[in-house]
Amino acid sequence: QVFTLPLKLMFTNFDEIKFNSVNSTNLTGYKIGSMAYDKGSDAFYNCFMFVFLLLVNIVMVNLLIALFSLRVSKIASKSKIVWRRMYFDMLIECNRMCAVPSPIYVIYAIFTYLFSTYLLFRDALKNFEHCSKSTNWWYSQTDYPKVYIQFLKFQAKQFRRFGRRNLTRRIVDANSDPDGVQARADNNFAAVKRGIDSLGRTRSSATSKRSDSIGIEAKLANLKMQSKRRRKQINDVEAKLDRLIQLMERR
C-alpha cells in the first residue's frame, strides 16, 4: 500500500485507500501490510496529497503563463497590423490635406484641377510633336537622335582607321590607258574562273577517291587557300574597276 498510494492519488482513487488500524491487544492473525497506524496513515496520505496538488498547481500555472504569453503575442501582432493600417491611412489623409483654410479650399481645389489638366494636355502635345518629328527625323541634321549621331561618329572613326590605307593607295593614273586596264582585268577574271573550275574538278575527284584521304585533304586545303586568294584578287580587281570607272566619270 505504501508503494501503490502515489499511483492511487495520481488517478484520484481516494475512496479505495482504506487502512485498518492495529489492535494492540490482539496482534495475531493479521497479514503483513493489511494494517497501518492511524496517525501515520493520515500523515502519509496528507503528505502525498500535498505533493500531488503542488504538482498540479505548478502545471496549471505554467499552462496559464503559456496561454497568457500566446494571447499577448497575438494581440501585439494584431495591434501592430492595426497601427500600420491606421498610420497608412493617416499618411494618405495627410497627403490629401491642404495648407489653405477651408473657405478658400474650394478655389484652391479648382485651380489645382485646372493646372493638372493643363499639364496633362501639355505632355500629350509634347509627345505628339516628338512623334511627328521622329517620323521624319532624317530630313534635317538638327533632328538626328543622339544614338544615330553616336553611330555616325563611330562609323567615321572606323573609316579613318581602316579606310585610310586603301584610300591613299595609288590605283591607276587617270592618264593611263583604260583599254589595257580592261584587258588585264579580263585576264584576271579568266584566271580566277579557271582556278575555280579546276577547284570544282579536284573536289569532285577527291570525293570519288576517298581511299587516299590524307593527300586529298592536303590538296583540298591548298585549293581552298588558292580559292581564297583568287576571290581576294577578284575583289581587288572589282574595286579597282569601280574606282577607275569613277575616275573616268569625273573626267
Protein backbone atom coordinates (compact mmCIF):
# COMPACT_ATOMS: atom_id res chain seq x y z
CA GLN A 1 0.00 0.00 0.00
CA VAL A 2 2.86 2.37 0.67
CA PHE A 3 4.18 1.97 -2.87
CA THR A 4 0.77 1.97 -4.59
CA LEU A 5 -0.53 5.02 -2.72
CA PRO A 6 1.06 7.64 -5.07
CA LEU A 7 -0.46 5.91 -8.08
CA LYS A 8 -3.87 5.86 -6.44
CA LEU A 9 -3.51 9.55 -5.58
CA MET A 10 -2.44 10.29 -9.14
CA PHE A 11 -5.53 8.64 -10.58
CA THR A 12 -7.76 10.14 -7.85
CA ASN A 13 -8.81 6.81 -6.45
CA PHE A 14 -9.09 8.19 -2.95
CA ASP A 15 -12.06 6.05 -1.94
CA GLU A 16 -10.18 2.80 -2.48
CA ILE A 17 -7.46 3.71 0.01
CA LYS A 18 -8.62 2.02 3.19
CA PHE A 19 -6.38 1.06 6.07
CA ASN A 20 -7.28 -0.90 9.18
CA SER A 21 -5.72 0.14 12.44
CA VAL A 22 -3.87 -2.39 14.54
CA ASN A 23 -5.43 -3.63 17.75
CA SER A 24 -2.73 -3.60 20.36
CA THR A 25 -4.41 -6.27 22.47
CA ASN A 26 -4.55 -8.85 19.74
CA LEU A 27 -1.59 -8.78 17.36
CA THR A 28 -2.07 -12.23 15.96
CA GLY A 29 -3.97 -13.20 12.84
CA TYR A 30 -3.00 -10.12 10.79
CA LYS A 31 -1.33 -10.15 7.42
CA ILE A 32 1.70 -8.05 6.73
CA GLY A 33 0.69 -4.79 5.05
CA SER A 34 -3.02 -5.10 5.84
CA MET A 35 -2.88 -2.96 8.95
CA ALA A 36 -1.46 0.53 9.48
CA TYR A 37 -1.02 3.06 12.22
CA ASP A 38 -3.85 5.66 12.16
CA LYS A 39 -1.79 8.80 12.61
CA GLY A 40 0.94 7.61 10.30
CA SER A 41 -1.61 6.69 7.62
CA ASP A 42 -3.23 10.13 7.81
CA ALA A 43 0.13 11.91 7.73
CA PHE A 44 1.29 9.84 4.75
CA TYR A 45 -1.98 10.43 2.95
CA ASN A 46 -1.91 14.20 3.56
CA CYS A 47 1.76 14.48 2.55
CA PHE A 48 1.19 12.78 -0.79
CA MET A 49 -1.97 14.80 -1.37
CA PHE A 50 0.03 17.98 -0.78
CA VAL A 51 2.73 16.89 -3.22
CA PHE A 52 0.15 15.92 -5.83
CA LEU A 53 -1.76 19.19 -5.55
CA LEU A 54 1.51 21.14 -5.63
CA LEU A 55 2.49 19.48 -8.90
CA VAL A 56 -0.97 20.12 -10.31
CA ASN A 57 -0.74 23.80 -9.36
CA ILE A 58 2.71 24.14 -10.92
CA VAL A 59 1.49 22.58 -14.17
CA MET A 60 -1.62 24.75 -14.24
CA VAL A 61 0.38 27.91 -13.55
CA ASN A 62 2.77 27.05 -16.40
CA LEU A 63 -0.18 26.44 -18.71
CA LEU A 64 -1.73 29.76 -17.71
CA ILE A 65 1.58 31.57 -18.33
CA ALA A 66 1.93 29.94 -21.75
CA LEU A 67 -1.66 30.81 -22.65
CA PHE A 68 -1.16 34.37 -21.46
CA SER A 69 2.04 34.79 -23.49
CA LEU A 70 0.35 33.36 -26.59
CA ARG A 71 -2.60 35.71 -26.18
CA VAL A 72 -0.29 38.69 -25.63
CA SER A 73 1.77 37.85 -28.74
CA LYS A 74 -1.40 37.56 -30.85
CA ILE A 75 -2.71 40.86 -29.53
CA ALA A 76 0.67 42.50 -30.15
CA SER A 77 0.79 41.28 -33.77
CA LYS A 78 -2.78 42.37 -34.42
CA SER A 79 -2.18 45.74 -32.82
CA LYS A 80 0.92 46.24 -34.96
CA ILE A 81 -1.08 45.47 -38.11
CA VAL A 82 -3.85 47.80 -36.98
CA TRP A 83 -1.33 50.51 -36.13
CA ARG A 84 0.33 50.20 -39.53
CA ARG A 85 -3.03 50.41 -41.27
CA MET A 86 -4.05 53.44 -39.25
CA TYR A 87 -0.66 55.02 -39.85
CA PHE A 88 -1.00 54.44 -43.60
CA ASP A 89 -4.47 55.95 -43.57
CA MET A 90 -3.10 58.91 -41.65
CA LEU A 91 -0.36 59.37 -44.24
CA ILE A 92 -2.89 59.32 -47.08
CA GLU A 93 -5.07 61.78 -45.23
CA CYS A 94 -2.05 63.99 -44.53
CA ASN A 95 -1.10 63.97 -48.22
CA ARG A 96 -4.62 64.96 -49.15
CA MET A 97 -4.66 67.82 -46.69
CA CYS A 98 -4.10 71.34 -47.89
CA ALA A 99 -2.41 74.27 -46.21
CA VAL A 100 -5.17 76.59 -47.43
CA PRO A 101 -8.01 77.16 -44.94
CA SER A 102 -11.39 75.63 -45.58
CA PRO A 103 -13.22 78.70 -47.00
CA ILE A 104 -10.57 79.17 -49.70
CA TYR A 105 -10.09 75.44 -50.24
CA VAL A 106 -12.74 75.30 -52.99
CA ILE A 107 -10.88 77.88 -55.10
CA TYR A 108 -7.61 76.12 -54.48
CA ALA A 109 -9.09 72.75 -55.50
CA ILE A 110 -10.46 74.21 -58.75
CA PHE A 111 -7.10 75.80 -59.51
CA THR A 112 -5.18 72.55 -58.87
CA TYR A 113 -7.62 70.58 -61.05
CA LEU A 114 -7.26 73.03 -63.96
CA PHE A 115 -3.49 73.14 -63.57
CA SER A 116 -3.20 69.32 -63.58
CA THR A 117 -5.40 69.20 -66.70
CA TYR A 118 -3.14 71.76 -68.38
CA LEU A 119 -0.03 69.73 -67.52
CA LEU A 120 -1.65 66.58 -68.88
CA PHE A 121 -2.55 68.21 -72.21
CA ARG A 122 0.90 69.80 -72.45
CA ASP A 123 2.61 66.44 -72.05
CA ALA A 124 0.29 64.94 -74.66
CA LEU A 125 1.12 67.73 -77.13
CA LYS A 126 4.84 67.29 -76.49
CA ASN A 127 4.57 63.58 -77.14
CA PHE A 128 2.63 64.22 -80.35
CA GLU A 129 5.21 66.72 -81.61
CA HIS A 130 8.01 64.37 -80.71
CA CYS A 131 6.34 61.53 -82.61
CA SER A 132 5.74 63.75 -85.65
CA LYS A 133 9.35 64.83 -85.63
CA SER A 134 10.66 61.35 -85.03
CA THR A 135 8.84 60.01 -88.10
CA ASN A 136 10.85 62.29 -90.46
CA TRP A 137 13.98 62.93 -88.43
CA TRP A 138 16.33 62.14 -91.32
CA TYR A 139 15.23 65.21 -93.30
CA SER A 140 17.32 67.63 -91.22
CA GLN A 141 20.53 67.16 -89.27
CA THR A 142 19.16 69.04 -86.27
CA ASP A 143 16.54 66.32 -85.68
CA TYR A 144 19.02 63.44 -85.63
CA PRO A 145 18.69 61.30 -82.49
CA LYS A 146 21.65 61.10 -80.15
CA VAL A 147 22.05 57.40 -80.80
CA TYR A 148 22.30 57.97 -84.54
CA ILE A 149 24.84 60.77 -84.04
CA GLN A 150 26.95 58.46 -81.90
CA PHE A 151 26.74 55.81 -84.60
CA LEU A 152 27.89 58.30 -87.25
CA LYS A 153 30.86 59.30 -85.09
CA PHE A 154 31.80 55.67 -84.57
CA GLN A 155 31.48 54.99 -88.30
CA ALA A 156 33.68 57.97 -89.15
CA LYS A 157 36.36 56.75 -86.71
CA GLN A 158 36.29 53.30 -88.26
CA PHE A 159 36.58 54.74 -91.77
CA ARG A 160 39.55 56.85 -90.70
CA ARG A 161 41.19 53.88 -89.04
CA PHE A 162 40.73 51.17 -91.66
CA GLY A 163 39.99 53.06 -94.86
CA ARG A 164 42.91 55.48 -94.89
CA ARG A 165 45.35 52.91 -96.26
CA ASN A 166 43.00 51.85 -99.03
CA LEU A 167 42.02 55.41 -99.91
CA THR A 168 45.64 56.61 -100.12
CA ARG A 169 46.76 53.65 -102.25
CA ARG A 170 47.76 54.54 -105.77
CA ILE A 171 45.45 52.70 -108.09
CA VAL A 172 45.85 53.72 -111.68
CA ASP A 173 46.73 57.07 -113.07
CA ALA A 174 43.97 58.87 -114.90
CA ASN A 175 46.25 59.37 -117.86
CA SER A 176 46.84 55.61 -118.31
CA ASP A 177 45.25 53.51 -120.96
CA PRO A 178 41.81 52.26 -119.85
CA ASP A 179 41.81 49.58 -122.56
CA GLY A 180 44.92 48.00 -121.08
CA VAL A 181 43.37 48.05 -117.63
CA GLN A 182 40.24 46.40 -119.01
CA ALA A 183 42.34 43.73 -120.73
CA ARG A 184 44.27 42.98 -117.55
CA ALA A 185 41.03 42.78 -115.62
CA ASP A 186 39.60 40.33 -118.16
CA ASN A 187 42.71 38.19 -117.93
CA ASN A 188 42.47 38.16 -114.14
CA PHE A 189 38.81 37.17 -114.32
CA ALA A 190 39.62 34.36 -116.73
CA ALA A 191 42.43 33.10 -114.48
CA VAL A 192 40.19 33.16 -111.47
CA LYS A 193 37.46 31.34 -113.36
CA ARG A 194 39.91 28.66 -114.48
CA GLY A 195 41.09 28.27 -110.89
CA ILE A 196 37.52 27.91 -109.65
CA ASP A 197 36.75 25.34 -112.37
CA SER A 198 39.86 23.36 -111.50
CA LEU A 199 38.89 23.55 -107.85
CA GLY A 200 35.48 22.10 -108.65
CA ARG A 201 37.03 19.30 -110.69
CA THR A 202 39.51 18.46 -107.98
CA ARG A 203 36.75 18.42 -105.39
CA SER A 204 34.67 16.01 -107.45
CA SER A 205 37.69 13.78 -108.00
CA ALA A 206 38.56 13.98 -104.30
CA THR A 207 35.09 12.83 -103.26
CA SER A 208 35.31 9.85 -105.62
CA LYS A 209 38.73 8.81 -104.27
CA ARG A 210 38.26 8.56 -100.54
CA SER A 211 40.98 5.93 -100.07
CA ASP A 212 43.84 8.42 -100.17
CA SER A 213 42.24 10.78 -97.64
CA ILE A 214 45.43 12.36 -96.28
CA GLY A 215 46.71 13.56 -99.62
CA ILE A 216 43.28 14.67 -100.71
CA GLU A 217 42.77 16.71 -97.53
CA ALA A 218 46.11 18.42 -98.09
CA LYS A 219 45.17 19.17 -101.69
CA LEU A 220 41.77 20.44 -100.65
CA ALA A 221 43.34 22.72 -98.07
CA ASN A 222 45.75 24.01 -100.71
CA LEU A 223 42.92 24.51 -103.15
CA LYS A 224 40.88 26.35 -100.52
CA MET A 225 43.81 28.68 -99.92
CA GLN A 226 44.13 29.23 -103.65
CA SER A 227 40.41 29.89 -103.99
CA LYS A 228 40.58 32.43 -101.16
CA ARG A 229 43.47 34.15 -102.93
CA ARG A 230 41.56 34.13 -106.21
CA ARG A 231 38.49 35.59 -104.58
CA LYS A 232 40.60 38.26 -102.97
CA GLN A 233 42.10 39.04 -106.36
CA ILE A 234 38.60 39.26 -107.83
CA ASN A 235 37.54 41.68 -105.11
CA ASP A 236 40.64 43.79 -105.65
CA VAL A 237 40.06 43.85 -109.40
CA GLU A 238 36.41 44.80 -108.93
CA ALA A 239 37.37 47.59 -106.54
CA LYS A 240 39.98 48.86 -108.99
CA LEU A 241 37.47 48.78 -111.83
CA ASP A 242 34.91 50.69 -109.77
CA ARG A 243 37.44 53.36 -108.87
CA LEU A 244 38.62 53.55 -112.45
CA ILE A 245 35.04 53.99 -113.64
CA GLN A 246 34.52 56.73 -111.05
CA LEU A 247 37.66 58.49 -112.19
CA MET A 248 36.57 58.24 -115.82
CA GLU A 249 33.15 59.65 -114.97
CA ARG A 250 34.71 62.58 -113.12
CA ARG A 251 36.81 63.39 -116.16
